[in-house]
Structure formats: structure tokens, C-alpha cells
N, C-alpha and C. Protein backbone atom coordinates (compact mmCIF):
# COMPACT_ATOMS: atom_id res chain seq x y z
N UNK A 1 21.83 -13.67 0.19
CA UNK A 1 21.08 -13.21 -1.38
C UNK A 1 19.88 -13.76 -1.37
N UNK A 2 19.06 -13.81 0.00
CA UNK A 2 17.72 -13.59 0.26
C UNK A 2 17.07 -12.08 0.25
N UNK A 3 17.80 -11.85 0.69
CA UNK A 3 17.27 -10.05 1.01
C UNK A 3 17.26 -9.53 -0.73
N UNK A 4 18.54 -9.81 -0.88
CA UNK A 4 18.69 -9.03 -2.36
C UNK A 4 17.60 -9.77 -3.29
N UNK A 5 17.47 -11.09 -3.20
CA UNK A 5 15.74 -10.94 -4.14
C UNK A 5 14.93 -9.94 -3.88
N UNK A 6 13.83 -9.75 -2.14
CA UNK A 6 13.75 -8.95 -1.82
C UNK A 6 13.28 -7.53 -2.90
N UNK A 7 14.76 -7.01 -2.04
CA UNK A 7 15.00 -5.54 -2.71
C UNK A 7 14.65 -5.50 -4.23
N UNK A 8 15.24 -6.95 -5.09
CA UNK A 8 15.04 -6.39 -6.25
C UNK A 8 13.81 -6.36 -7.29
N UNK A 9 12.78 -7.27 -6.11
CA UNK A 9 11.61 -7.54 -6.51
C UNK A 9 10.76 -6.07 -5.91
N UNK A 10 11.31 -5.14 -4.57
CA UNK A 10 10.45 -4.25 -4.82
C UNK A 10 10.85 -3.34 -5.95
N UNK A 11 12.00 -3.23 -6.19
CA UNK A 11 12.48 -1.93 -6.95
C UNK A 11 12.45 -2.35 -8.86
N UNK A 12 11.52 -3.27 -9.19
CA UNK A 12 11.14 -4.08 -10.52
C UNK A 12 10.19 -4.10 -10.19
N UNK A 13 9.15 -4.40 -9.46
CA UNK A 13 7.22 -4.28 -9.33
C UNK A 13 7.29 -3.00 -8.10
N UNK A 14 7.60 -2.71 -8.04
CA UNK A 14 7.14 -1.17 -6.76
C UNK A 14 7.65 0.04 -7.94
N UNK A 15 9.19 -0.41 -7.30
CA UNK A 15 9.68 1.73 -7.66
C UNK A 15 10.20 2.06 -9.20
N UNK A 16 9.71 0.79 -10.60
CA UNK A 16 9.98 1.25 -11.22
C UNK A 16 9.07 1.62 -12.27
N UNK A 17 7.81 0.60 -12.03
CA UNK A 17 6.73 1.27 -12.93
C UNK A 17 5.72 2.45 -12.40
N UNK A 18 6.12 2.56 -11.28
CA UNK A 18 5.13 4.10 -10.74
C UNK A 18 5.97 4.81 -10.52
N UNK A 19 7.38 4.59 -10.36
CA UNK A 19 8.28 6.21 -10.14
C UNK A 19 9.20 6.19 -11.44
N UNK A 20 9.48 5.52 -12.31
CA UNK A 20 9.77 6.15 -14.00
C UNK A 20 11.47 5.98 -13.40
N UNK A 21 12.06 7.03 -13.44
CA UNK A 21 13.33 7.77 -13.79
C UNK A 21 14.33 7.86 -13.00
N UNK A 22 12.87 8.38 -11.57
CA UNK A 22 12.75 8.65 -10.28
C UNK A 22 13.08 8.07 -9.01
N UNK A 23 13.17 6.64 -9.53
CA UNK A 23 12.82 5.76 -8.36
C UNK A 23 14.22 5.20 -7.19
N UNK A 24 15.16 5.68 -8.25
CA UNK A 24 16.27 5.20 -7.46
C UNK A 24 15.97 6.00 -5.68
N UNK A 25 16.10 7.59 -6.46
CA UNK A 25 15.67 8.27 -5.31
C UNK A 25 14.91 7.83 -3.80
N UNK A 26 13.82 7.40 -4.47
CA UNK A 26 12.75 6.50 -3.27
C UNK A 26 13.11 5.60 -2.93
N UNK A 27 14.02 4.24 -3.14
CA UNK A 27 13.76 3.60 -2.85
C UNK A 27 14.53 3.49 -1.65
N UNK A 28 15.42 3.87 -0.68
CA UNK A 28 15.94 3.85 0.60
C UNK A 28 14.30 3.86 1.63
N UNK A 29 13.45 4.60 1.62
CA UNK A 29 11.78 5.01 1.90
C UNK A 29 11.43 3.95 1.79
N UNK A 30 10.88 3.23 0.54
CA UNK A 30 9.85 2.24 0.16
C UNK A 30 10.83 0.67 0.40
N UNK A 31 12.05 0.91 0.48
CA UNK A 31 12.82 -0.75 1.13
C UNK A 31 12.25 -0.28 2.73
N UNK A 32 12.85 1.00 3.25
CA UNK A 32 12.67 0.78 5.10
C UNK A 32 11.14 -0.25 5.07
N UNK A 33 9.64 0.99 4.61
CA UNK A 33 8.56 1.00 4.99
C UNK A 33 8.73 -0.69 4.65
N UNK A 34 8.73 -1.25 3.27
CA UNK A 34 8.57 -3.14 3.13
C UNK A 34 8.91 -3.48 4.55
N UNK A 35 10.43 -3.38 4.29
CA UNK A 35 10.61 -4.84 5.67
C UNK A 35 10.65 -4.45 7.10
N UNK A 36 10.22 -2.86 7.32
CA UNK A 36 9.83 -2.87 8.55
C UNK A 36 8.30 -3.26 9.38
N UNK A 37 7.51 -2.59 7.62
CA UNK A 37 6.32 -3.66 8.46
C UNK A 37 6.28 -4.68 7.50
N UNK A 38 6.91 -5.07 7.36
CA UNK A 38 7.31 -6.87 7.36
C UNK A 38 7.74 -7.96 8.53
N UNK A 39 8.45 -7.38 8.76
CA UNK A 39 9.12 -8.30 10.01
C UNK A 39 8.20 -7.39 11.07
N UNK A 40 7.92 -6.13 11.12
CA UNK A 40 7.30 -6.39 12.30
C UNK A 40 5.50 -7.32 12.68
N UNK A 41 5.58 -7.52 11.34
CA UNK A 41 4.06 -8.33 10.92
C UNK A 41 3.89 -9.68 11.67
N UNK A 42 5.54 -10.07 11.35
CA UNK A 42 6.37 -11.49 11.70
C UNK A 42 6.14 -11.50 13.12
N UNK A 43 6.73 -10.48 13.98
CA UNK A 43 7.36 -10.39 15.35
C UNK A 43 6.02 -10.13 15.63
N UNK A 44 4.82 -10.29 15.17
CA UNK A 44 3.14 -10.00 16.10
C UNK A 44 3.01 -10.94 15.95
N UNK A 45 2.92 -12.16 15.18
CA UNK A 45 2.72 -13.95 15.46
C UNK A 45 3.30 -14.53 15.98
N UNK A 46 4.08 -13.74 16.82
CA UNK A 46 5.80 -14.95 17.73
C UNK A 46 4.76 -15.28 18.92
N UNK A 47 4.60 -16.16 19.72
CA UNK A 47 3.80 -15.79 20.89
C UNK A 47 4.61 -14.36 22.08
N UNK A 48 4.16 -14.28 22.40
CA UNK A 48 4.28 -12.70 23.45
C UNK A 48 4.85 -11.60 22.88
N UNK A 49 4.86 -12.33 21.52
CA UNK A 49 5.55 -11.18 20.80
C UNK A 49 4.58 -9.55 20.73
N UNK A 50 5.41 -7.95 20.44
CA UNK A 50 3.97 -7.33 20.27
C UNK A 50 3.51 -6.98 18.53
N UNK A 51 2.32 -6.67 18.93
CA UNK A 51 1.61 -6.84 17.86
C UNK A 51 1.58 -5.26 17.42
N UNK A 52 2.86 -4.57 16.86
CA UNK A 52 2.87 -3.43 16.48
C UNK A 52 2.08 -2.93 15.07
N UNK A 53 2.57 -3.77 13.84
CA UNK A 53 1.20 -3.00 13.05
C UNK A 53 -0.24 -3.35 13.04
N UNK A 54 -0.71 -4.40 14.63
CA UNK A 54 -1.89 -3.88 15.11
C UNK A 54 -1.75 -2.79 15.38
N UNK A 55 -1.65 -1.59 15.49
CA UNK A 55 -1.60 -0.98 16.02
C UNK A 55 -1.44 0.29 15.66
N UNK A 56 -3.02 1.14 15.72
CA UNK A 56 -3.17 2.23 14.70
C UNK A 56 -2.59 3.84 15.18
N UNK A 57 -2.23 4.11 15.64
CA UNK A 57 -0.58 4.29 16.01
C UNK A 57 0.29 4.43 15.33
N UNK A 58 1.22 2.91 15.01
CA UNK A 58 2.24 2.59 14.67
C UNK A 58 1.27 2.65 13.09
N UNK A 59 0.77 2.69 12.24
CA UNK A 59 0.42 2.69 10.69
C UNK A 59 -0.04 4.49 10.44
N UNK A 60 -0.60 4.89 11.71
CA UNK A 60 -0.41 6.28 11.29
C UNK A 60 1.00 6.76 11.10
N UNK A 61 1.58 6.43 11.57
CA UNK A 61 2.67 7.50 11.85
C UNK A 61 3.67 6.67 10.36
N UNK A 62 3.16 5.53 9.42
CA UNK A 62 4.09 5.06 8.66
C UNK A 62 3.19 6.15 7.33
N UNK A 63 1.71 6.11 7.74
CA UNK A 63 0.90 6.96 6.51
C UNK A 63 1.28 8.13 6.85
N UNK A 64 1.75 9.21 7.57
CA UNK A 64 2.01 9.87 7.51
C UNK A 64 3.62 10.35 7.33
N UNK A 65 5.02 9.39 7.14
CA UNK A 65 5.92 9.59 7.10
C UNK A 65 5.63 9.57 4.88
N UNK A 66 5.08 8.65 4.86
CA UNK A 66 4.65 8.74 3.44
C UNK A 66 3.41 10.20 2.63
N UNK A 67 3.01 10.30 3.59
CA UNK A 67 2.04 11.67 3.02
C UNK A 67 2.68 12.91 2.82
N UNK A 68 4.15 13.30 4.16
CA UNK A 68 4.65 14.27 4.06
C UNK A 68 5.76 13.94 3.07
N UNK A 69 6.80 13.41 2.23
CA UNK A 69 7.37 12.69 1.40
C UNK A 69 5.84 12.82 0.46
N UNK A 70 4.94 13.53 -0.17
CA UNK A 70 4.33 12.89 -1.17
C UNK A 70 4.22 15.04 -1.32
N UNK A 71 4.22 15.35 -0.10
CA UNK A 71 3.96 17.05 -0.27
C UNK A 71 4.97 17.19 -0.68
N UNK A 72 6.69 17.20 0.31
CA UNK A 72 7.57 17.53 -0.41
C UNK A 72 8.03 17.42 -1.20
N UNK A 73 7.43 16.25 -2.54
CA UNK A 73 8.50 16.26 -3.67
C UNK A 73 7.36 16.33 -4.32
N UNK A 74 6.20 16.58 -4.15
CA UNK A 74 5.24 17.33 -5.56
C UNK A 74 5.75 18.30 -6.23
N UNK A 75 5.58 18.36 -7.33
CA UNK A 75 6.09 19.22 -8.16
C UNK A 75 5.09 20.21 -8.88
N UNK A 76 5.24 21.14 -10.16
CA UNK A 76 4.49 22.39 -9.95
C UNK A 76 2.99 21.92 -10.60
N UNK A 77 3.24 21.01 -11.48
CA UNK A 77 2.34 20.38 -12.40
C UNK A 77 1.19 19.89 -11.54
N UNK A 78 1.53 19.03 -10.57
CA UNK A 78 0.95 18.82 -9.53
C UNK A 78 0.01 19.76 -8.58
N UNK A 79 0.53 20.74 -8.17
CA UNK A 79 0.03 21.41 -7.42
C UNK A 79 -0.83 22.42 -8.40
N UNK A 80 -0.88 22.67 -9.71
CA UNK A 80 -1.40 23.63 -10.67
C UNK A 80 -2.26 22.87 -11.23
N UNK A 81 -2.34 21.47 -11.07
CA UNK A 81 -3.76 20.60 -11.42
C UNK A 81 -4.64 20.40 -9.93
N UNK A 82 -4.05 20.63 -8.50
CA UNK A 82 -4.97 20.47 -7.98
C UNK A 82 -5.63 21.66 -7.43
N UNK A 83 -5.24 22.62 -7.46
CA UNK A 83 -5.72 23.68 -7.34
C UNK A 83 -6.31 24.92 -8.67
N UNK A 84 -6.48 23.94 -9.65
CA UNK A 84 -6.46 24.60 -11.27
C UNK A 84 -6.65 23.86 -12.35
N UNK A 85 -7.62 22.63 -11.78
CA UNK A 85 -7.68 21.15 -12.63
C UNK A 85 -7.49 22.49 -14.37
N UNK A 86 -6.74 22.09 -15.67
CA UNK A 86 -6.77 22.64 -16.79
C UNK A 86 -8.26 21.98 -17.49
N UNK A 87 -8.96 22.85 -18.69
CA UNK A 87 -10.32 22.20 -19.48
C UNK A 87 -11.34 21.91 -18.58
N UNK A 88 -11.20 22.55 -17.55
CA UNK A 88 -12.48 22.33 -16.61
C UNK A 88 -13.12 23.69 -16.46
N UNK A 89 -14.69 24.08 -16.47
CA UNK A 89 -15.31 25.33 -16.09
C UNK A 89 -15.18 25.75 -14.78
N UNK A 90 -15.02 27.48 -14.76
CA UNK A 90 -14.65 27.72 -13.30
C UNK A 90 -16.36 27.46 -12.24
N UNK A 91 -16.93 27.03 -12.83
CA UNK A 91 -18.07 26.85 -11.63
C UNK A 91 -18.11 25.56 -12.05
N UNK A 92 -17.51 24.47 -12.49
CA UNK A 92 -16.82 23.27 -11.67
C UNK A 92 -15.74 23.13 -11.18
N UNK A 93 -15.01 24.07 -11.35
CA UNK A 93 -13.49 23.79 -10.31
C UNK A 93 -13.71 24.27 -9.16
N UNK A 94 -15.26 25.11 -8.40
CA UNK A 94 -15.31 25.27 -7.18
C UNK A 94 -15.80 23.95 -6.32
N UNK A 95 -16.42 23.17 -7.54
CA UNK A 95 -16.66 21.63 -6.68
C UNK A 95 -15.65 20.67 -6.65
N UNK A 96 -15.37 21.02 -7.92
CA UNK A 96 -13.70 19.92 -7.97
C UNK A 96 -12.61 20.25 -6.76
N UNK A 97 -12.44 21.49 -7.07
CA UNK A 97 -11.43 21.84 -6.00
C UNK A 97 -11.53 20.81 -5.22
N UNK A 98 -12.08 21.37 -3.67
CA UNK A 98 -12.56 20.63 -2.86
C UNK A 98 -12.15 19.32 -2.37
N UNK A 99 -12.90 18.67 -3.85
CA UNK A 99 -13.11 16.99 -3.34
C UNK A 99 -11.51 16.60 -4.10
N UNK A 100 -10.49 17.27 -4.65
CA UNK A 100 -9.10 16.96 -4.72
C UNK A 100 -8.25 16.97 -3.91
N UNK A 101 -9.12 17.80 -2.88
CA UNK A 101 -8.19 18.39 -1.79
C UNK A 101 -8.55 16.99 -0.33
N UNK A 102 -9.65 17.33 -0.36
CA UNK A 102 -10.15 15.81 0.32
C UNK A 102 -9.25 14.38 0.27
N UNK A 103 -9.16 14.35 -1.33
CA UNK A 103 -9.15 12.82 -2.22
C UNK A 103 -7.59 12.40 -1.47
N UNK A 104 -6.77 13.73 -1.53
CA UNK A 104 -5.52 14.13 -1.31
C UNK A 104 -5.15 13.89 0.54
N UNK A 105 -6.42 14.29 1.21
CA UNK A 105 -6.07 13.25 2.64
C UNK A 105 -6.51 12.12 3.12
N UNK A 106 -7.29 11.26 2.02
CA UNK A 106 -8.44 10.74 2.43
C UNK A 106 -6.55 9.34 2.09
N UNK A 107 -5.76 9.63 1.52
CA UNK A 107 -4.81 8.70 0.93
C UNK A 107 -3.83 7.91 2.00
N UNK A 108 -3.47 9.42 3.05
CA UNK A 108 -3.07 8.12 3.96
C UNK A 108 -3.95 8.01 5.18
N UNK A 109 -5.37 8.76 5.02
CA UNK A 109 -6.17 7.71 6.22
C UNK A 109 -6.08 6.33 5.49
N UNK A 110 -6.41 6.19 4.11
CA UNK A 110 -6.06 4.72 3.83
C UNK A 110 -5.57 3.61 3.83
N UNK A 111 -4.47 4.33 4.13
CA UNK A 111 -2.54 3.91 4.45
C UNK A 111 -3.41 3.44 6.15
N UNK A 112 -3.36 3.88 6.39
CA UNK A 112 -3.27 3.97 7.77
C UNK A 112 -4.43 2.29 7.84
N UNK A 113 -5.91 2.25 8.04
CA UNK A 113 -7.07 2.20 8.37
C UNK A 113 -6.18 0.68 8.00
N UNK A 114 -5.93 0.50 6.13
CA UNK A 114 -6.20 -0.43 5.10
C UNK A 114 -5.05 -1.63 6.17
N UNK A 115 -3.66 -1.52 6.59
CA UNK A 115 -2.48 -1.97 6.67
C UNK A 115 -2.80 -2.10 8.77
N UNK A 116 -3.59 -1.18 9.28
CA UNK A 116 -4.32 -1.30 10.92
C UNK A 116 -4.79 -2.68 10.57
N UNK A 117 -6.26 -2.94 10.03
CA UNK A 117 -7.69 -3.12 9.84
C UNK A 117 -7.20 -4.91 9.82
N UNK A 118 -5.90 -5.08 8.43
CA UNK A 118 -5.87 -6.43 8.48
C UNK A 118 -4.99 -7.26 8.89
N UNK A 119 -3.67 -6.49 9.35
CA UNK A 119 -3.46 -7.43 10.52
C UNK A 119 -4.02 -7.58 11.78
N UNK A 120 -5.01 -6.54 12.60
CA UNK A 120 -6.18 -6.77 13.60
C UNK A 120 -6.75 -7.76 12.87
N UNK A 121 -7.05 -8.12 12.08
CA UNK A 121 -8.28 -9.03 12.29
C UNK A 121 -8.11 -10.65 12.20
N UNK A 122 -6.65 -10.14 11.50
CA UNK A 122 -6.10 -11.97 11.73
C UNK A 122 -6.03 -12.42 12.84
N UNK A 123 -5.50 -11.56 13.87
CA UNK A 123 -4.52 -11.82 16.04
C UNK A 123 -6.55 -12.16 16.15
N UNK A 124 -7.67 -11.19 15.26
CA UNK A 124 -9.15 -11.52 16.30
C UNK A 124 -9.30 -12.73 16.15
N UNK A 125 -9.85 -13.34 14.94
CA UNK A 125 -9.56 -14.10 14.44
C UNK A 125 -8.86 -15.98 15.22
N UNK A 126 -7.67 -15.35 15.44
CA UNK A 126 -6.76 -16.59 15.79
C UNK A 126 -7.46 -16.72 17.12
N UNK A 127 -7.76 -15.34 17.83
CA UNK A 127 -8.13 -15.17 18.59
C UNK A 127 -9.34 -16.20 19.03
N UNK A 128 -10.75 -15.78 18.60
CA UNK A 128 -11.91 -16.43 18.46
C UNK A 128 -11.66 -17.75 18.48
N UNK A 129 -10.80 -18.31 17.50
CA UNK A 129 -10.77 -20.09 17.43
C UNK A 129 -10.42 -20.33 18.25
N UNK A 130 -9.68 -19.63 19.15
CA UNK A 130 -8.84 -20.42 20.48
C UNK A 130 -9.41 -20.44 21.88
N UNK A 131 -10.76 -19.59 21.58
CA UNK A 131 -11.65 -19.02 22.45
C UNK A 131 -12.53 -19.97 22.55
N UNK A 132 -13.12 -20.39 21.24
CA UNK A 132 -13.22 -21.45 21.20
C UNK A 132 -13.79 -22.87 22.00
N UNK A 133 -12.59 -22.75 22.21
CA UNK A 133 -12.01 -24.14 23.14
C UNK A 133 -12.41 -24.04 24.35
N UNK A 134 -12.63 -22.44 24.92
CA UNK A 134 -13.02 -22.18 27.00
C UNK A 134 -14.36 -22.23 26.67
N UNK A 135 -15.33 -21.78 25.34
CA UNK A 135 -16.15 -21.71 25.74
C UNK A 135 -17.02 -22.88 25.29
N UNK A 136 -16.66 -24.12 24.46
CA UNK A 136 -17.28 -25.36 24.65
C UNK A 136 -17.46 -26.04 25.93
N UNK A 137 -15.58 -25.67 26.50
CA UNK A 137 -15.66 -26.77 27.89
C UNK A 137 -16.42 -25.80 28.94
N UNK A 138 -17.20 -24.28 28.98
CA UNK A 138 -17.92 -23.92 30.32
C UNK A 138 -19.00 -24.53 29.95
N UNK A 139 -19.31 -24.90 28.22
CA UNK A 139 -20.51 -25.47 28.72
C UNK A 139 -20.88 -27.36 28.97
N UNK A 140 -19.53 -28.00 28.22
CA UNK A 140 -19.37 -29.51 28.11
C UNK A 140 -18.01 -29.62 28.85
N UNK A 141 -17.24 -29.77 29.59
CA UNK A 141 -15.69 -30.89 29.38
C UNK A 141 -15.67 -31.18 28.44
N UNK A 142 -16.37 -32.44 27.76
CA UNK A 142 -16.07 -32.66 26.71
C UNK A 142 -15.84 -32.10 25.80
N UNK A 143 -17.52 -31.80 25.32
CA UNK A 143 -17.73 -30.42 24.13
C UNK A 143 -15.93 -29.68 24.33
N UNK A 144 -15.34 -29.08 25.12
CA UNK A 144 -14.47 -28.05 25.05
C UNK A 144 -13.16 -29.08 24.53
N UNK A 145 -13.29 -31.03 24.78
CA UNK A 145 -11.93 -31.03 24.96
C UNK A 145 -11.86 -31.66 23.78
N UNK A 146 -13.34 -32.34 22.96
CA UNK A 146 -13.06 -32.75 21.50
C UNK A 146 -13.89 -31.46 20.81
N UNK A 147 -13.68 -30.50 21.25
CA UNK A 147 -12.92 -28.80 20.45
C UNK A 147 -11.78 -28.92 19.43
N UNK A 148 -11.06 -28.79 20.93
CA UNK A 148 -9.28 -28.86 21.32
C UNK A 148 -8.84 -29.04 19.90
N UNK A 149 -8.52 -30.20 18.75
CA UNK A 149 -8.01 -30.76 17.59
C UNK A 149 -8.53 -29.67 16.36
N UNK A 150 -9.90 -29.72 16.58
CA UNK A 150 -10.98 -29.19 15.77
C UNK A 150 -10.31 -27.26 16.25
N UNK A 151 -9.99 -26.79 16.94
CA UNK A 151 -9.50 -24.91 16.89
C UNK A 151 -8.16 -24.78 16.80
N UNK A 152 -6.99 -25.98 17.28
CA UNK A 152 -6.29 -26.30 17.00
C UNK A 152 -5.16 -26.12 15.40
N UNK A 153 -6.25 -27.18 14.42
CA UNK A 153 -6.39 -26.88 13.34
C UNK A 153 -6.62 -25.88 12.84
N UNK A 154 -7.39 -25.61 12.44
CA UNK A 154 -7.94 -23.93 12.05
C UNK A 154 -7.02 -23.15 12.55
N UNK A 155 -6.71 -22.89 13.46
CA UNK A 155 -5.77 -21.96 14.16
C UNK A 155 -4.24 -21.93 13.55
N UNK A 156 -3.30 -23.07 13.59
CA UNK A 156 -2.47 -23.33 12.25
C UNK A 156 -2.76 -22.82 11.06
N UNK A 157 -4.24 -23.56 10.45
CA UNK A 157 -4.51 -23.01 8.94
C UNK A 157 -4.22 -21.00 9.05
N UNK A 158 -5.10 -20.71 10.05
CA UNK A 158 -5.03 -19.35 10.05
C UNK A 158 -3.81 -18.41 10.44
N UNK A 159 -2.62 -19.26 10.95
CA UNK A 159 -1.24 -19.09 11.53
C UNK A 159 -0.50 -19.01 9.92
N UNK A 160 -0.17 -19.99 9.34
CA UNK A 160 0.13 -20.21 8.31
C UNK A 160 -0.75 -19.02 7.19
N UNK A 161 -1.56 -18.77 6.91
CA UNK A 161 -2.38 -17.63 5.91
C UNK A 161 -1.94 -16.22 6.60
N UNK A 162 -1.79 -15.57 7.93
CA UNK A 162 -1.70 -14.94 8.44
C UNK A 162 0.13 -14.69 8.33
N UNK A 163 0.94 -15.91 7.82
CA UNK A 163 2.66 -15.76 7.73
C UNK A 163 2.87 -14.95 5.95
N UNK A 164 1.69 -15.67 5.14
CA UNK A 164 0.86 -14.74 3.78
C UNK A 164 0.77 -13.68 3.51
N UNK A 165 -0.22 -13.65 4.46
CA UNK A 165 -0.75 -12.10 5.00
C UNK A 165 0.39 -10.47 5.53
N UNK A 166 1.09 -10.92 6.52
CA UNK A 166 2.00 -10.34 6.52
C UNK A 166 2.77 -9.78 5.60
N UNK A 167 4.08 -10.50 4.73
CA UNK A 167 4.13 -10.29 3.29
C UNK A 167 3.92 -9.01 2.65
N UNK A 168 2.11 -9.63 2.68
CA UNK A 168 1.43 -8.96 0.90
C UNK A 168 1.26 -7.68 1.34
N UNK A 169 1.03 -7.56 2.94
CA UNK A 169 0.55 -6.35 3.79
C UNK A 169 1.15 -5.62 3.16
N UNK A 170 2.63 -5.45 3.82
CA UNK A 170 3.55 -4.73 3.50
C UNK A 170 4.08 -5.15 1.95
N UNK A 171 3.78 -5.12 0.87
CA UNK A 171 3.45 -5.37 -0.06
C UNK A 171 3.33 -4.28 -0.59
N UNK A 172 1.32 -4.53 -0.58
CA UNK A 172 0.62 -3.41 -0.69
C UNK A 172 0.83 -1.92 -0.48
N UNK A 173 1.31 -2.10 1.33
CA UNK A 173 1.58 -0.79 1.60
C UNK A 173 2.86 -0.02 1.04
N UNK A 174 3.66 -0.62 0.60
CA UNK A 174 5.14 -0.35 -0.15
C UNK A 174 4.91 0.76 -1.46
N UNK A 175 3.67 -0.66 -1.85
CA UNK A 175 2.94 -0.53 -3.59
C UNK A 175 2.31 0.59 -3.23
N UNK A 176 1.17 1.49 -2.80
CA UNK A 176 0.33 2.38 -2.43
C UNK A 176 1.14 3.59 -2.50
N UNK A 177 2.07 3.20 -1.08
CA UNK A 177 3.20 4.42 -1.49
C UNK A 177 4.03 4.68 -2.50
N UNK A 178 4.51 4.13 -2.86
CA UNK A 178 5.18 4.50 -4.61
C UNK A 178 3.95 5.22 -5.71
N UNK A 179 2.86 4.38 -5.47
CA UNK A 179 1.52 4.71 -6.23
C UNK A 179 1.39 6.41 -6.41
N UNK A 180 1.58 6.70 -4.74
CA UNK A 180 0.59 7.85 -4.44
C UNK A 180 1.94 8.83 -4.85
N UNK A 181 3.44 9.17 -4.58
CA UNK A 181 4.30 9.49 -4.48
C UNK A 181 4.24 9.65 -6.52
N UNK A 182 4.29 8.44 -6.38
CA UNK A 182 4.31 8.84 -8.44
C UNK A 182 3.53 9.45 -8.03
N UNK A 183 2.39 10.03 -8.15
CA UNK A 183 1.77 11.09 -8.59
C UNK A 183 2.09 12.18 -8.31
N UNK A 184 2.32 12.29 -7.82
CA UNK A 184 2.51 14.04 -7.28
C UNK A 184 4.44 14.08 -7.84
N UNK A 185 4.90 13.22 -8.24
CA UNK A 185 6.20 13.30 -9.29
C UNK A 185 6.37 13.68 -10.70
N UNK A 186 5.41 13.29 -11.36
CA UNK A 186 5.43 12.60 -12.55
C UNK A 186 5.13 14.09 -12.95
N UNK A 187 5.33 14.56 -14.24
CA UNK A 187 5.71 15.45 -15.39
C UNK A 187 4.92 16.00 -16.02
N UNK A 188 3.87 15.36 -16.10
CA UNK A 188 2.56 15.62 -16.77
C UNK A 188 2.84 15.41 -18.68
N UNK A 189 4.36 15.89 -18.92
CA UNK A 189 4.79 16.02 -20.79
C UNK A 189 4.88 14.13 -21.34
N UNK A 190 4.13 13.07 -20.61
CA UNK A 190 3.40 11.84 -21.63
C UNK A 190 2.96 11.80 -23.05
N UNK A 191 1.47 13.02 -22.75
CA UNK A 191 1.03 13.32 -23.53
C UNK A 191 1.53 13.53 -24.81
N UNK A 192 1.90 14.69 -24.62
CA UNK A 192 2.42 15.46 -25.30
C UNK A 192 3.31 15.16 -26.25
N UNK A 193 4.48 13.99 -25.51
CA UNK A 193 5.71 13.56 -26.50
C UNK A 193 5.04 12.52 -27.08
N UNK A 194 3.95 11.76 -26.75
CA UNK A 194 3.28 10.42 -27.51
C UNK A 194 3.03 11.48 -28.72
N UNK A 195 1.93 12.58 -28.16
CA UNK A 195 1.32 12.67 -29.39
C UNK A 195 2.91 13.30 -30.45
N UNK A 196 3.63 13.59 -29.98
CA UNK A 196 5.22 14.30 -31.01
C UNK A 196 5.17 13.05 -31.60
N UNK A 197 5.03 11.69 -30.83
CA UNK A 197 5.79 10.75 -31.55
C UNK A 197 5.15 9.81 -32.51
N UNK A 198 3.68 10.32 -32.25
CA UNK A 198 2.87 10.10 -33.75
C UNK A 198 2.88 11.13 -34.58
N UNK A 199 2.97 12.31 -34.39
CA UNK A 199 3.60 12.58 -35.91
C UNK A 199 4.19 12.98 -36.47
N UNK A 200 5.49 12.42 -35.44
CA UNK A 200 6.96 12.24 -36.79
C UNK A 200 6.60 10.60 -37.26
N UNK A 201 5.91 10.43 -36.89
CA UNK A 201 5.08 8.19 -37.02
C UNK A 201 4.53 8.69 -38.48
N UNK A 202 3.37 9.99 -38.48
CA UNK A 202 2.63 9.94 -39.43
C UNK A 202 3.80 10.78 -40.82
N UNK A 203 4.81 11.44 -40.22
CA UNK A 203 4.82 11.91 -41.60
C UNK A 203 6.36 11.26 -42.25
N UNK A 204 6.76 10.63 -41.26
CA UNK A 204 7.45 8.86 -42.30
C UNK A 204 7.05 8.28 -43.30
N UNK A 205 5.58 8.34 -42.43
CA UNK A 205 4.91 7.17 -43.22
C UNK A 205 4.58 7.57 -44.39
N UNK A 206 4.79 9.38 -44.53
CA UNK A 206 3.58 9.76 -45.91
C UNK A 206 4.64 9.31 -46.89
N UNK A 207 4.36 8.74 -47.84
CA UNK A 207 5.41 8.96 -49.37
C UNK A 207 5.76 10.48 -49.75
N UNK A 208 7.10 10.34 -50.38
CA UNK A 208 7.10 11.74 -50.99
C UNK A 208 6.38 11.92 -52.23
N UNK A 209 6.08 13.24 -52.11
CA UNK A 209 5.80 13.13 -53.69
C UNK A 209 6.59 14.46 -54.16
N UNK A 210 7.05 13.41 -55.55
CA UNK A 210 8.11 14.61 -56.36
C UNK A 210 6.86 14.80 -58.02
């Protein structure tokens, strides 16, 4: 029952808003990414546990999976706008197209570094606070003993914060993956449909002339 609430949250708050009516086919990917990151973030907080998501190789592999899905599922509308932006002068296209291509490859890099840096930073902070006991202890035995309650209290606070960060970072990675995939699978007919609806509304709202 607890897992169901998490799955419904990913479906309603991540998949549907970003992927529209195509959300169902990407749910297995999004759920796998979310639970993989969340569980491994929590395992990394256990004493002696492997800090898997704090390793850039792991986050890079996760980002590459999302990137490959983006490239495979991208439609002709996306590729057309990437290599031949409509309504842009030819001279500007030579500048704009390389920027768009670079931004496409920056997306997996951003996913990689965001998750890796956030998880690693939390572990470094906890390590530094614990190390302060030994640093003060090297200066003075009494200073080291006196700093133990302060260090442990702050470590417990950071540990509690990391429990929250573990879920937040899993959500952010999954949400950005859905956003990036949504950008490449959108059909691009939204403006035309909206415009047609507007014209239809105007046509119905005009009074008939006899």
C-alpha cells in the first residue's frame, strides 16, 4: 500500500503533466529510475553501506539511459526543430543549430552532476562534522570530549536532512527525465489546435445576421 502511493504520485505528478497521453509507456522507466535512486540513496546512509549514487559512474549510466530513450523516442517534429528551426533567418540558423545540439548533450551531463554532487556533498558534510571531534581532540583532549555532543547532534540533524534529500533527489532526477522525454515526443500541434478552438469559439459567439 505504501508503494502504491509512491507509484500514483509519480504517475500523477511526474508522468502525466510532462508526457500527456503517452505517459503509460514511460511509466516502467520512470518508476525504475525513481526507486533505484531512492533505495540506493537510503542504502548509502547506512553504516558501511555502499554510496552508489555518490559515484559519478552510476549517475552517468542512469543519465545515459535517459539520453538513449530521448534519442530513440524523439519524433520528426523534434528533429526538424533541432536542425531546421522554423521562422529563423538562415544566418541565425548557423549559430542556433550548434547551440541546440550542444544543449541536447548538456541534458545528460546536468542529470549526472546534479545527482552525484548533491549526494556526495551530504556525505562530505557529515564526515567533516564527525572529523571535527578528532581535530579538536588533537588540539586538546578536553576540547575533543566537549565537542562530541555538538558534533553528534549536528550529525544527526544532517542525517535526518539526508533522508529527505534522498527522496527529493530521486524525484528531481525522475521529473527531469520525464521533462526531457516529453520535449522530444510532443507533437507540436498544440498551438494550432488551440488556435482552431479559438476560431471556433469566435464563430459560435458571433450573433447571427438575418
